[in-house]
Amino acid sequence: MMKLLLVALATSFWTLIASAASHLSDGEIRKVDKEALKLTIRHGEIRNLEMPPMTMVFQVRDAALLDGVKAGDKIRFRAEKSAGGFVVTEIEVAR
């Protein structure tokens, strides 16, 4: 019984991880503005925001997200709507 419970918990954990990763959108960084904490991204569909592909400027609250990214980088990212606009909350450089 305990073994079955552990298998169920492990399966649920990996399903949650896969679900979170699927909420990342594909994009390409066009411009990094570290002073203004902004990124210009040409992106595909952003499903969680019901947004079609386009190029737009996103805010970044955490300046550390801008470290290690530059114009031309292909990325996967998460964006959320905030009172002041759209904010990037996670970035992964695509490999």
PDB file of N, CA and C in Angstrom:
ATOM      1  N   MET A   1       0.818  -1.193   0.000  1.00  0.00           N
ATOM      2  CA  MET A   1       0.000   0.000   0.000  1.00  0.00           C
ATOM      3  C   MET A   1       0.865   1.263   0.000  1.00  0.00           C
ATOM      4  N   MET A   2       1.924   1.248   0.825  1.00  0.00           N
ATOM      5  CA  MET A   2       2.814   2.405   0.906  1.00  0.00           C
ATOM      6  C   MET A   2       3.532   2.627  -0.423  1.00  0.00           C
ATOM      7  N   LYS A   3       3.936   1.524  -1.061  1.00  0.00           N
ATOM      8  CA  LYS A   3       4.630   1.616  -2.341  1.00  0.00           C
ATOM      9  C   LYS A   3       3.717   2.250  -3.395  1.00  0.00           C
ATOM     10  N   LEU A   4       2.462   1.875  -3.413  1.00  0.00           N
ATOM     11  CA  LEU A   4       1.492   2.428  -4.351  1.00  0.00           C
ATOM     12  C   LEU A   4       1.301   3.922  -4.107  1.00  0.00           C
ATOM     13  N   LEU A   5       1.245   4.319  -2.857  1.00  0.00           N
ATOM     14  CA  LEU A   5       1.106   5.731  -2.510  1.00  0.00           C
ATOM     15  C   LEU A   5       2.319   6.530  -2.974  1.00  0.00           C
ATOM     16  N   LEU A   6       3.512   5.998  -2.787  1.00  0.00           N
ATOM     17  CA  LEU A   6       4.730   6.675  -3.232  1.00  0.00           C
ATOM     18  C   LEU A   6       4.769   6.826  -4.749  1.00  0.00           C
ATOM     19  N   VAL A   7       4.356   5.806  -5.462  1.00  0.00           N
ATOM     20  CA  VAL A   7       4.305   5.876  -6.926  1.00  0.00           C
ATOM     21  C   VAL A   7       3.308   6.954  -7.357  1.00  0.00           C
ATOM     22  N   ALA A   8       2.156   7.011  -6.716  1.00  0.00           N
ATOM     23  CA  ALA A   8       1.145   8.019  -7.047  1.00  0.00           C
ATOM     24  C   ALA A   8       1.662   9.426  -6.771  1.00  0.00           C
ATOM     25  N   LEU A   9       2.347   9.613  -5.663  1.00  0.00           N
ATOM     26  CA  LEU A   9       2.902  10.929  -5.335  1.00  0.00           C
ATOM     27  C   LEU A   9       3.983  11.337  -6.331  1.00  0.00           C
ATOM     28  N   ALA A  10       4.847  10.421  -6.704  1.00  0.00           N
ATOM     29  CA  ALA A  10       5.911  10.712  -7.673  1.00  0.00           C
ATOM     30  C   ALA A  10       5.310  11.084  -9.027  1.00  0.00           C
ATOM     31  N   THR A  11       4.298  10.350  -9.443  1.00  0.00           N
ATOM     32  CA  THR A  11       3.630  10.642 -10.709  1.00  0.00           C
ATOM     33  C   THR A  11       2.993  12.025 -10.684  1.00  0.00           C
ATOM     34  N   SER A  12       2.331  12.362  -9.589  1.00  0.00           N
ATOM     35  CA  SER A  12       1.711  13.679  -9.452  1.00  0.00           C
ATOM     36  C   SER A  12       2.756  14.785  -9.497  1.00  0.00           C
ATOM     37  N   PHE A  13       3.886  14.556  -8.847  1.00  0.00           N
ATOM     38  CA  PHE A  13       4.961  15.548  -8.823  1.00  0.00           C
ATOM     39  C   PHE A  13       5.461  15.814 -10.236  1.00  0.00           C
ATOM     40  N   TRP A  14       5.746  14.759 -11.000  1.00  0.00           N
ATOM     41  CA  TRP A  14       6.272  14.944 -12.353  1.00  0.00           C
ATOM     42  C   TRP A  14       5.230  15.540 -13.289  1.00  0.00           C
ATOM     43  N   THR A  15       3.970  15.261 -13.077  1.00  0.00           N
ATOM     44  CA  THR A  15       2.912  15.876 -13.870  1.00  0.00           C
ATOM     45  C   THR A  15       2.854  17.374 -13.601  1.00  0.00           C
ATOM     46  N   LEU A  16       3.013  17.750 -12.352  1.00  0.00           N
ATOM     47  CA  LEU A  16       3.027  19.165 -11.977  1.00  0.00           C
ATOM     48  C   LEU A  16       4.208  19.878 -12.613  1.00  0.00           C
ATOM     49  N   ILE A  17       5.382  19.270 -12.584  1.00  0.00           N
ATOM     50  CA  ILE A  17       6.579  19.860 -13.194  1.00  0.00           C
ATOM     51  C   ILE A  17       6.370  20.041 -14.699  1.00  0.00           C
ATOM     52  N   ALA A  18       5.849  19.038 -15.364  1.00  0.00           N
ATOM     53  CA  ALA A  18       5.614  19.116 -16.812  1.00  0.00           C
ATOM     54  C   ALA A  18       4.589  20.185 -17.141  1.00  0.00           C
ATOM     55  N   SER A  19       3.576  20.312 -16.321  1.00  0.00           N
ATOM     56  CA  SER A  19       2.546  21.322 -16.538  1.00  0.00           C
ATOM     57  C   SER A  19       3.124  22.722 -16.417  1.00  0.00           C
ATOM     58  N   ALA A  20       3.965  22.936 -15.426  1.00  0.00           N
ATOM     59  CA  ALA A  20       4.587  24.254 -15.232  1.00  0.00           C
ATOM     60  C   ALA A  20       5.476  24.599 -16.421  1.00  0.00           C
ATOM     61  N   ALA A  21       6.236  23.645 -16.917  1.00  0.00           N
ATOM     62  CA  ALA A  21       7.117  23.889 -18.054  1.00  0.00           C
ATOM     63  C   ALA A  21       6.324  24.209 -19.311  1.00  0.00           C
ATOM     64  N   SER A  22       5.136  23.637 -19.448  1.00  0.00           N
ATOM     65  CA  SER A  22       4.337  23.875 -20.639  1.00  0.00           C
ATOM     66  C   SER A  22       3.780  25.294 -20.680  1.00  0.00           C
ATOM     67  N   HIS A  23       3.829  26.008 -19.585  1.00  0.00           N
ATOM     68  CA  HIS A  23       3.346  27.379 -19.553  1.00  0.00           C
ATOM     69  C   HIS A  23       4.421  28.378 -19.973  1.00  0.00           C
ATOM     70  N   LEU A  24       5.592  27.886 -20.335  1.00  0.00           N
ATOM     71  CA  LEU A  24       6.636  28.760 -20.842  1.00  0.00           C
ATOM     72  C   LEU A  24       6.375  29.007 -22.323  1.00  0.00           C
ATOM     73  N   SER A  25       6.639  30.232 -22.750  1.00  0.00           N
ATOM     74  CA  SER A  25       6.434  30.613 -24.147  1.00  0.00           C
ATOM     75  C   SER A  25       7.780  30.771 -24.830  1.00  0.00           C
ATOM     76  N   ASP A  26       7.796  30.565 -26.134  1.00  0.00           N
ATOM     77  CA  ASP A  26       9.007  30.735 -26.920  1.00  0.00           C
ATOM     78  C   ASP A  26       9.141  32.180 -27.367  1.00  0.00           C
ATOM     79  N   GLY A  27      10.388  32.655 -27.425  1.00  0.00           N
ATOM     80  CA  GLY A  27      10.619  34.011 -27.890  1.00  0.00           C
ATOM     81  C   GLY A  27      12.067  34.245 -28.263  1.00  0.00           C
ATOM     82  N   GLU A  28      12.317  35.440 -28.759  1.00  0.00           N
ATOM     83  CA  GLU A  28      13.668  35.885 -29.075  1.00  0.00           C
ATOM     84  C   GLU A  28      13.831  37.294 -28.520  1.00  0.00           C
ATOM     85  N   ILE A  29      14.885  37.485 -27.764  1.00  0.00           N
ATOM     86  CA  ILE A  29      15.133  38.815 -27.195  1.00  0.00           C
ATOM     87  C   ILE A  29      15.608  39.743 -28.302  1.00  0.00           C
ATOM     88  N   ARG A  30      14.951  40.872 -28.423  1.00  0.00           N
ATOM     89  CA  ARG A  30      15.314  41.874 -29.421  1.00  0.00           C
ATOM     90  C   ARG A  30      16.121  43.002 -28.785  1.00  0.00           C
ATOM     91  N   LYS A  31      15.836  43.316 -27.497  1.00  0.00           N
ATOM     92  CA  LYS A  31      16.535  44.413 -26.815  1.00  0.00           C
ATOM     93  C   LYS A  31      16.480  44.170 -25.312  1.00  0.00           C
ATOM     94  N   VAL A  32      17.580  44.483 -24.622  1.00  0.00           N
ATOM     95  CA  VAL A  32      17.649  44.414 -23.164  1.00  0.00           C
ATOM     96  C   VAL A  32      17.935  45.820 -22.660  1.00  0.00           C
ATOM     97  N   ASP A  33      17.076  46.344 -21.792  1.00  0.00           N
ATOM     98  CA  ASP A  33      17.265  47.662 -21.193  1.00  0.00           C
ATOM     99  C   ASP A  33      17.386  47.474 -19.686  1.00  0.00           C
ATOM    100  N   LYS A  34      18.629  47.295 -19.213  1.00  0.00           N
ATOM    101  CA  LYS A  34      18.859  47.008 -17.798  1.00  0.00           C
ATOM    102  C   LYS A  34      18.474  48.181 -16.904  1.00  0.00           C
ATOM    103  N   GLU A  35      18.691  49.397 -17.362  1.00  0.00           N
ATOM    104  CA  GLU A  35      18.362  50.576 -16.544  1.00  0.00           C
ATOM    105  C   GLU A  35      16.864  50.688 -16.293  1.00  0.00           C
ATOM    106  N   ALA A  36      16.074  50.427 -17.311  1.00  0.00           N
ATOM    107  CA  ALA A  36      14.619  50.546 -17.194  1.00  0.00           C
ATOM    108  C   ALA A  36      13.964  49.242 -16.766  1.00  0.00           C
ATOM    109  N   LEU A  37      14.768  48.169 -16.617  1.00  0.00           N
ATOM    110  CA  LEU A  37      14.244  46.837 -16.283  1.00  0.00           C
ATOM    111  C   LEU A  37      13.185  46.390 -17.292  1.00  0.00           C
ATOM    112  N   LYS A  38      13.567  46.447 -18.587  1.00  0.00           N
ATOM    113  CA  LYS A  38      12.639  46.070 -19.647  1.00  0.00           C
ATOM    114  C   LYS A  38      13.331  45.185 -20.679  1.00  0.00           C
ATOM    115  N   LEU A  39      12.529  44.314 -21.282  1.00  0.00           N
ATOM    116  CA  LEU A  39      12.958  43.442 -22.368  1.00  0.00           C
ATOM    117  C   LEU A  39      12.009  43.606 -23.540  1.00  0.00           C
ATOM    118  N   THR A  40      12.557  43.708 -24.734  1.00  0.00           N
ATOM    119  CA  THR A  40      11.728  43.635 -25.931  1.00  0.00           C
ATOM    120  C   THR A  40      11.871  42.210 -26.443  1.00  0.00           C
ATOM    121  N   ILE A  41      10.742  41.527 -26.583  1.00  0.00           N
ATOM    122  CA  ILE A  41      10.733  40.123 -26.980  1.00  0.00           C
ATOM    123  C   ILE A  41       9.802  39.920 -28.176  1.00  0.00           C
ATOM    124  N   ARG A  42      10.334  39.243 -29.198  1.00  0.00           N
ATOM    125  CA  ARG A  42       9.494  38.758 -30.298  1.00  0.00           C
ATOM    126  C   ARG A  42       9.074  37.361 -29.863  1.00  0.00           C
ATOM    127  N   HIS A  43       7.785  37.162 -29.670  1.00  0.00           N
ATOM    128  CA  HIS A  43       7.328  35.908 -29.069  1.00  0.00           C
ATOM    129  C   HIS A  43       6.241  35.231 -29.886  1.00  0.00           C
ATOM    130  N   GLY A  44       6.124  33.939 -29.623  1.00  0.00           N
ATOM    131  CA  GLY A  44       5.005  33.173 -30.154  1.00  0.00           C
ATOM    132  C   GLY A  44       3.798  33.393 -29.249  1.00  0.00           C
ATOM    133  N   GLU A  45       2.810  32.565 -29.421  1.00  0.00           N
ATOM    134  CA  GLU A  45       1.605  32.656 -28.597  1.00  0.00           C
ATOM    135  C   GLU A  45       1.968  32.522 -27.115  1.00  0.00           C
ATOM    136  N   ILE A  46       1.356  33.367 -26.292  1.00  0.00           N
ATOM    137  CA  ILE A  46       1.492  33.260 -24.836  1.00  0.00           C
ATOM    138  C   ILE A  46       0.139  32.771 -24.334  1.00  0.00           C
ATOM    139  N   ARG A  47       0.045  31.466 -24.118  1.00  0.00           N
ATOM    140  CA  ARG A  47      -1.246  30.840 -23.821  1.00  0.00           C
ATOM    141  C   ARG A  47      -1.881  31.350 -22.537  1.00  0.00           C
ATOM    142  N   ASN A  48      -1.081  31.488 -21.470  1.00  0.00           N
ATOM    143  CA  ASN A  48      -1.679  31.890 -20.197  1.00  0.00           C
ATOM    144  C   ASN A  48      -2.220  33.316 -20.240  1.00  0.00           C
ATOM    145  N   LEU A  49      -1.789  34.114 -21.216  1.00  0.00           N
ATOM    146  CA  LEU A  49      -2.310  35.479 -21.365  1.00  0.00           C
ATOM    147  C   LEU A  49      -3.259  35.598 -22.558  1.00  0.00           C
ATOM    148  N   GLU A  50      -3.473  34.472 -23.255  1.00  0.00           N
ATOM    149  CA  GLU A  50      -4.303  34.462 -24.466  1.00  0.00           C
ATOM    150  C   GLU A  50      -3.843  35.546 -25.434  1.00  0.00           C
ATOM    151  N   MET A  51      -2.512  35.600 -25.667  1.00  0.00           N
ATOM    152  CA  MET A  51      -1.911  36.636 -26.497  1.00  0.00           C
ATOM    153  C   MET A  51      -1.326  35.997 -27.755  1.00  0.00           C
ATOM    154  N   PRO A  52      -1.635  36.567 -28.918  1.00  0.00           N
ATOM    155  CA  PRO A  52      -1.073  36.030 -30.162  1.00  0.00           C
ATOM    156  C   PRO A  52       0.403  36.424 -30.309  1.00  0.00           C
ATOM    157  N   PRO A  53       1.093  35.814 -31.277  1.00  0.00           N
ATOM    158  CA  PRO A  53       2.491  36.171 -31.528  1.00  0.00           C
ATOM    159  C   PRO A  53       2.636  37.646 -31.906  1.00  0.00           C
ATOM    160  N   MET A  54       3.692  38.274 -31.407  1.00  0.00           N
ATOM    161  CA  MET A  54       3.992  39.669 -31.720  1.00  0.00           C
ATOM    162  C   MET A  54       5.333  40.031 -31.102  1.00  0.00           C
ATOM    163  N   THR A  55       5.758  41.264 -31.289  1.00  0.00           N
ATOM    164  CA  THR A  55       6.946  41.804 -30.621  1.00  0.00           C
ATOM    165  C   THR A  55       6.459  42.893 -29.690  1.00  0.00           C
ATOM    166  N   MET A  56       6.905  42.826 -28.435  1.00  0.00           N
ATOM    167  CA  MET A  56       6.464  43.834 -27.461  1.00  0.00           C
ATOM    168  C   MET A  56       7.470  43.980 -26.336  1.00  0.00           C
ATOM    169  N   VAL A  57       7.286  45.030 -25.557  1.00  0.00           N
ATOM    170  CA  VAL A  57       8.152  45.322 -24.420  1.00  0.00           C
ATOM    171  C   VAL A  57       7.501  44.770 -23.157  1.00  0.00           C
ATOM    172  N   PHE A  58       8.311  44.064 -22.369  1.00  0.00           N
ATOM    173  CA  PHE A  58       7.877  43.522 -21.086  1.00  0.00           C
ATOM    174  C   PHE A  58       8.694  44.155 -19.969  1.00  0.00           C
ATOM    175  N   GLN A  59       8.076  44.335 -18.829  1.00  0.00           N
ATOM    176  CA  GLN A  59       8.785  44.777 -17.638  1.00  0.00           C
ATOM    177  C   GLN A  59       9.411  43.562 -16.964  1.00  0.00           C
ATOM    178  N   VAL A  60      10.428  43.806 -16.155  1.00  0.00           N
ATOM    179  CA  VAL A  60      11.071  42.776 -15.353  1.00  0.00           C
ATOM    180  C   VAL A  60      11.231  43.344 -13.952  1.00  0.00           C
ATOM    181  N   ARG A  61      10.677  42.676 -12.952  1.00  0.00           N
ATOM    182  CA  ARG A  61      10.815  43.158 -11.566  1.00  0.00           C
ATOM    183  C   ARG A  61      12.165  42.794 -10.972  1.00  0.00           C
ATOM    184  N   ASP A  62      12.679  41.624 -11.348  1.00  0.00           N
ATOM    185  CA  ASP A  62      13.931  41.114 -10.799  1.00  0.00           C
ATOM    186  C   ASP A  62      15.050  41.341 -11.807  1.00  0.00           C
ATOM    187  N   ALA A  63      15.925  42.310 -11.519  1.00  0.00           N
ATOM    188  CA  ALA A  63      17.020  42.649 -12.434  1.00  0.00           C
ATOM    189  C   ALA A  63      17.913  41.450 -12.736  1.00  0.00           C
ATOM    190  N   ALA A  64      17.982  40.493 -11.830  1.00  0.00           N
ATOM    191  CA  ALA A  64      18.822  39.310 -12.041  1.00  0.00           C
ATOM    192  C   ALA A  64      18.372  38.513 -13.268  1.00  0.00           C
ATOM    193  N   LEU A  65      17.110  38.627 -13.655  1.00  0.00           N
ATOM    194  CA  LEU A  65      16.630  37.926 -14.853  1.00  0.00           C
ATOM    195  C   LEU A  65      17.318  38.438 -16.117  1.00  0.00           C
ATOM    196  N   LEU A  66      17.823  39.667 -16.071  1.00  0.00           N
ATOM    197  CA  LEU A  66      18.459  40.252 -17.246  1.00  0.00           C
ATOM    198  C   LEU A  66      19.919  39.834 -17.394  1.00  0.00           C
ATOM    199  N   ASP A  67      20.493  39.295 -16.326  1.00  0.00           N
ATOM    200  CA  ASP A  67      21.872  38.816 -16.392  1.00  0.00           C
ATOM    201  C   ASP A  67      21.928  37.570 -17.262  1.00  0.00           C
ATOM    202  N   GLY A  68      22.852  37.538 -18.168  1.00  0.00           N
ATOM    203  CA  GLY A  68      23.032  36.342 -18.984  1.00  0.00           C
ATOM    204  C   GLY A  68      22.153  36.266 -20.206  1.00  0.00           C
ATOM    205  N   VAL A  69      21.360  37.313 -20.487  1.00  0.00           N
ATOM    206  CA  VAL A  69      20.584  37.328 -21.729  1.00  0.00           C
ATOM    207  C   VAL A  69      20.985  38.554 -22.533  1.00  0.00           C
ATOM    208  N   LYS A  70      20.896  38.405 -23.854  1.00  0.00           N
ATOM    209  CA  LYS A  70      21.263  39.502 -24.743  1.00  0.00           C
ATOM    210  C   LYS A  70      20.395  39.442 -25.990  1.00  0.00           C
ATOM    211  N   ALA A  71      20.397  40.533 -26.736  1.00  0.00           N
ATOM    212  CA  ALA A  71      19.641  40.575 -27.987  1.00  0.00           C
ATOM    213  C   ALA A  71      20.068  39.424 -28.885  1.00  0.00           C
ATOM    214  N   GLY A  72      19.098  38.758 -29.471  1.00  0.00           N
ATOM    215  CA  GLY A  72      19.349  37.626 -30.349  1.00  0.00           C
ATOM    216  C   GLY A  72      19.184  36.275 -29.679  1.00  0.00           C
ATOM    217  N   ASP A  73      19.183  36.234 -28.337  1.00  0.00           N
ATOM    218  CA  ASP A  73      19.016  34.967 -27.624  1.00  0.00           C
ATOM    219  C   ASP A  73      17.619  34.406 -27.842  1.00  0.00           C
ATOM    220  N   LYS A  74      17.553  33.127 -28.145  1.00  0.00           N
ATOM    221  CA  LYS A  74      16.282  32.397 -28.180  1.00  0.00           C
ATOM    222  C   LYS A  74      15.983  31.995 -26.741  1.00  0.00           C
ATOM    223  N   ILE A  75      14.758  32.234 -26.306  1.00  0.00           N
ATOM    224  CA  ILE A  75      14.405  31.983 -24.904  1.00  0.00           C
ATOM    225  C   ILE A  75      13.088  31.259 -24.785  1.00  0.00           C
ATOM    226  N   ARG A  76      12.863  30.733 -23.577  1.00  0.00           N
ATOM    227  CA  ARG A  76      11.541  30.284 -23.117  1.00  0.00           C
ATOM    228  C   ARG A  76      11.293  31.135 -21.894  1.00  0.00           C
ATOM    229  N   PHE A  77      10.085  31.674 -21.774  1.00  0.00           N
ATOM    230  CA  PHE A  77       9.818  32.605 -20.680  1.00  0.00           C
ATOM    231  C   PHE A  77       8.379  32.512 -20.206  1.00  0.00           C
ATOM    232  N   ARG A  78       8.186  33.019 -19.002  1.00  0.00           N
ATOM    233  CA  ARG A  78       6.844  33.112 -18.428  1.00  0.00           C
ATOM    234  C   ARG A  78       6.551  34.593 -18.210  1.00  0.00           C
ATOM    235  N   ALA A  79       5.373  35.009 -18.615  1.00  0.00           N
ATOM    236  CA  ALA A  79       4.936  36.386 -18.420  1.00  0.00           C
ATOM    237  C   ALA A  79       3.587  36.381 -17.721  1.00  0.00           C
ATOM    238  N   GLU A  80       3.368  37.419 -16.930  1.00  0.00           N
ATOM    239  CA  GLU A  80       2.105  37.578 -16.215  1.00  0.00           C
ATOM    240  C   GLU A  80       1.607  39.003 -16.403  1.00  0.00           C
ATOM    241  N   LYS A  81       0.320  39.170 -16.285  1.00  0.00           N
ATOM    242  CA  LYS A  81      -0.274  40.506 -16.348  1.00  0.00           C
ATOM    243  C   LYS A  81      -0.234  41.121 -14.959  1.00  0.00           C
ATOM    244  N   SER A  82       0.187  42.377 -14.890  1.00  0.00           N
ATOM    245  CA  SER A  82       0.176  43.098 -13.619  1.00  0.00           C
ATOM    246  C   SER A  82      -0.560  44.417 -13.833  1.00  0.00           C
ATOM    247  N   ALA A  83      -0.749  45.163 -12.783  1.00  0.00           N
ATOM    248  CA  ALA A  83      -1.469  46.435 -12.889  1.00  0.00           C
ATOM    249  C   ALA A  83      -0.775  47.398 -13.849  1.00  0.00           C
ATOM    250  N   GLY A  84       0.560  47.322 -13.924  1.00  0.00           N
ATOM    251  CA  GLY A  84       1.315  48.249 -14.771  1.00  0.00           C
ATOM    252  C   GLY A  84       1.621  47.731 -16.162  1.00  0.00           C
ATOM    253  N   GLY A  85       1.199  46.523 -16.504  1.00  0.00           N
ATOM    254  CA  GLY A  85       1.487  45.970 -17.824  1.00  0.00           C
ATOM    255  C   GLY A  85       1.779  44.488 -17.732  1.00  0.00           C
ATOM    256  N   PHE A  86       2.689  44.035 -18.579  1.00  0.00           N
ATOM    257  CA  PHE A  86       3.063  42.629 -18.601  1.00  0.00           C
ATOM    258  C   PHE A  86       4.477  42.474 -18.065  1.00  0.00           C
ATOM    259  N   VAL A  87       4.660  41.474 -17.193  1.00  0.00           N
ATOM    260  CA  VAL A  87       5.922  41.291 -16.489  1.00  0.00           C
ATOM    261  C   VAL A  87       6.467  39.896 -16.760  1.00  0.00           C
ATOM    262  N   VAL A  88       7.748  39.824 -17.126  1.00  0.00           N
ATOM    263  CA  VAL A  88       8.430  38.543 -17.277  1.00  0.00           C
ATOM    264  C   VAL A  88       8.857  38.088 -15.886  1.00  0.00           C
ATOM    265  N   THR A  89       8.476  36.877 -15.525  1.00  0.00           N
ATOM    266  CA  THR A  89       8.797  36.354 -14.195  1.00  0.00           C
ATOM    267  C   THR A  89       9.808  35.215 -14.228  1.00  0.00           C
ATOM    268  N   GLU A  90      10.084  34.675 -15.433  1.00  0.00           N
ATOM    269  CA  GLU A  90      11.027  33.575 -15.564  1.00  0.00           C
ATOM    270  C   GLU A  90      11.580  33.571 -16.976  1.00  0.00           C
ATOM    271  N   ILE A  91      12.889  33.316 -17.106  1.00  0.00           N
ATOM    272  CA  ILE A  91      13.528  33.237 -18.424  1.00  0.00           C
ATOM    273  C   ILE A  91      14.500  32.057 -18.414  1.00  0.00           C
ATOM    274  N   GLU A  92      14.471  31.298 -19.500  1.00  0.00           N
ATOM    275  CA  GLU A  92      15.451  30.249 -19.744  1.00  0.00           C
ATOM    276  C   GLU A  92      16.002  30.459 -21.134  1.00  0.00           C
ATOM    277  N   VAL A  93      17.311  30.508 -21.282  1.00  0.00           N
ATOM    278  CA  VAL A  93      17.898  30.586 -22.613  1.00  0.00           C
ATOM    279  C   VAL A  93      17.743  29.217 -23.248  1.00  0.00           C
ATOM    280  N   ALA A  94      17.158  29.188 -24.447  1.00  0.00           N
ATOM    281  CA  ALA A  94      16.936  27.931 -25.159  1.00  0.00           C
ATOM    282  C   ALA A  94      18.259  27.372 -25.647  1.00  0.00           C
ATOM    283  N   ARG A  95      18.380  26.068 -25.635  1.00  0.00           N
ATOM    284  CA  ARG A  95      19.627  25.413 -26.057  1.00  0.00           C
ATOM    285  C   ARG A  95      19.422  24.679 -27.350  1.00  0.00           C
TER     286      ARG A  95
END
